[in-house]
Amino acid sequence: MINGNGELIGIAFDGNWEAMSGDISYEPELQRTISVDIRYVLWVIDKFAGAKHLVDEMTVVKAEPEAASEVAPPAPVR
């Protein structure tokens, strides 16, 4: 998954059964993607897999913390 700035923010790795037909027809009310945040992937590579050397070879950009006034409220859960 890539954000609007072209930065890798996650990995889409699976979908629900309805998403299987996504190459033929897209149904936004039914199809869902299962993804994981890239920060968790990096943590697993470093801590769980013990491969910190791989993370060290990557160009990881840490975002600056946003000012409290710029933070949008969380989206409602449906």
Protein backbone atom coordinates (compact mmCIF):
# COMPACT_ATOMS: atom_id res chain seq x y z
CA MET A 1 0.00 0.00 0.00
CA ILE A 2 1.37 3.40 -0.99
CA ASN A 3 0.14 6.77 0.24
CA GLY A 4 -0.35 9.93 -1.84
CA ASN A 5 3.31 10.86 -1.37
CA GLY A 6 4.51 7.58 -2.89
CA GLU A 7 5.63 6.19 0.48
CA LEU A 8 5.19 2.54 1.42
CA ILE A 9 2.79 2.47 4.36
CA GLY A 10 1.66 -1.16 4.43
CA ILE A 11 1.31 -4.48 2.71
CA ALA A 12 -1.96 -5.79 1.29
CA PHE A 13 -1.75 -9.56 1.67
CA ASP A 14 -5.24 -11.03 1.47
CA GLY A 15 -8.89 -10.29 0.90
CA ASN A 16 -12.31 -11.63 1.67
CA TRP A 17 -14.06 -14.17 -0.53
CA GLU A 18 -15.95 -11.46 -2.43
CA ALA A 19 -12.63 -9.83 -3.42
CA MET A 20 -11.68 -12.88 -5.49
CA SER A 21 -13.63 -11.53 -8.47
CA GLY A 22 -11.88 -8.13 -8.30
CA ASP A 23 -10.10 -8.65 -11.64
CA ILE A 24 -13.46 -9.01 -13.36
CA SER A 25 -15.73 -6.61 -11.53
CA TYR A 26 -15.24 -4.35 -8.50
CA GLU A 27 -18.01 -4.28 -5.91
CA PRO A 28 -17.09 -1.63 -3.29
CA GLU A 29 -19.91 -2.58 -0.92
CA LEU A 30 -18.64 -6.19 -0.66
CA GLN A 31 -14.93 -6.43 -1.39
CA ARG A 32 -12.37 -5.93 1.39
CA THR A 33 -8.58 -6.13 1.58
CA ILE A 34 -6.61 -7.39 4.56
CA SER A 35 -3.45 -5.39 5.13
CA VAL A 36 -0.77 -4.75 7.73
CA ASP A 37 0.93 -1.48 8.73
CA ILE A 38 4.54 -1.29 7.50
CA ARG A 39 5.75 -0.26 10.98
CA TYR A 40 4.62 -3.63 12.32
CA VAL A 41 6.32 -5.44 9.43
CA LEU A 42 9.60 -3.64 10.22
CA TRP A 43 9.23 -4.47 13.91
CA VAL A 44 8.70 -8.16 13.13
CA ILE A 45 11.74 -8.20 10.84
CA ASP A 46 13.86 -6.55 13.53
CA LYS A 47 12.68 -8.08 16.82
CA PHE A 48 10.95 -11.35 15.97
CA ALA A 49 13.03 -12.51 13.02
CA GLY A 50 16.25 -11.06 14.41
CA ALA A 51 17.13 -9.49 11.06
CA LYS A 52 17.86 -5.91 12.13
CA HIS A 53 20.57 -5.81 9.47
CA LEU A 54 17.83 -5.91 6.80
CA VAL A 55 15.98 -2.98 8.35
CA ASP A 56 19.28 -1.07 8.63
CA GLU A 57 19.83 -1.47 4.86
CA MET A 58 16.45 0.12 4.08
CA THR A 59 15.80 3.83 3.75
CA VAL A 60 13.23 4.23 6.50
CA VAL A 61 11.77 7.73 6.79
CA LYS A 62 10.30 8.56 10.16
CA ALA A 63 7.40 10.99 9.96
CA GLU A 64 7.50 14.11 12.08
CA PRO A 65 4.83 14.10 14.80
CA GLU A 66 1.86 16.19 13.77
CA ALA A 67 0.82 19.18 15.83
CA ALA A 68 -2.26 18.50 17.95
CA SER A 69 -4.24 21.12 16.00
CA GLU A 70 -3.48 19.35 12.69
CA VAL A 71 -4.58 15.89 13.79
CA ALA A 72 -7.90 14.88 12.28
CA PRO A 73 -10.42 13.06 14.48
CA PRO A 74 -10.58 9.30 13.87
CA ALA A 75 -13.00 8.11 11.23
CA PRO A 76 -16.19 6.50 12.54
CA VAL A 77 -16.21 2.71 12.55
CA ARG A 78 -18.99 1.20 10.45
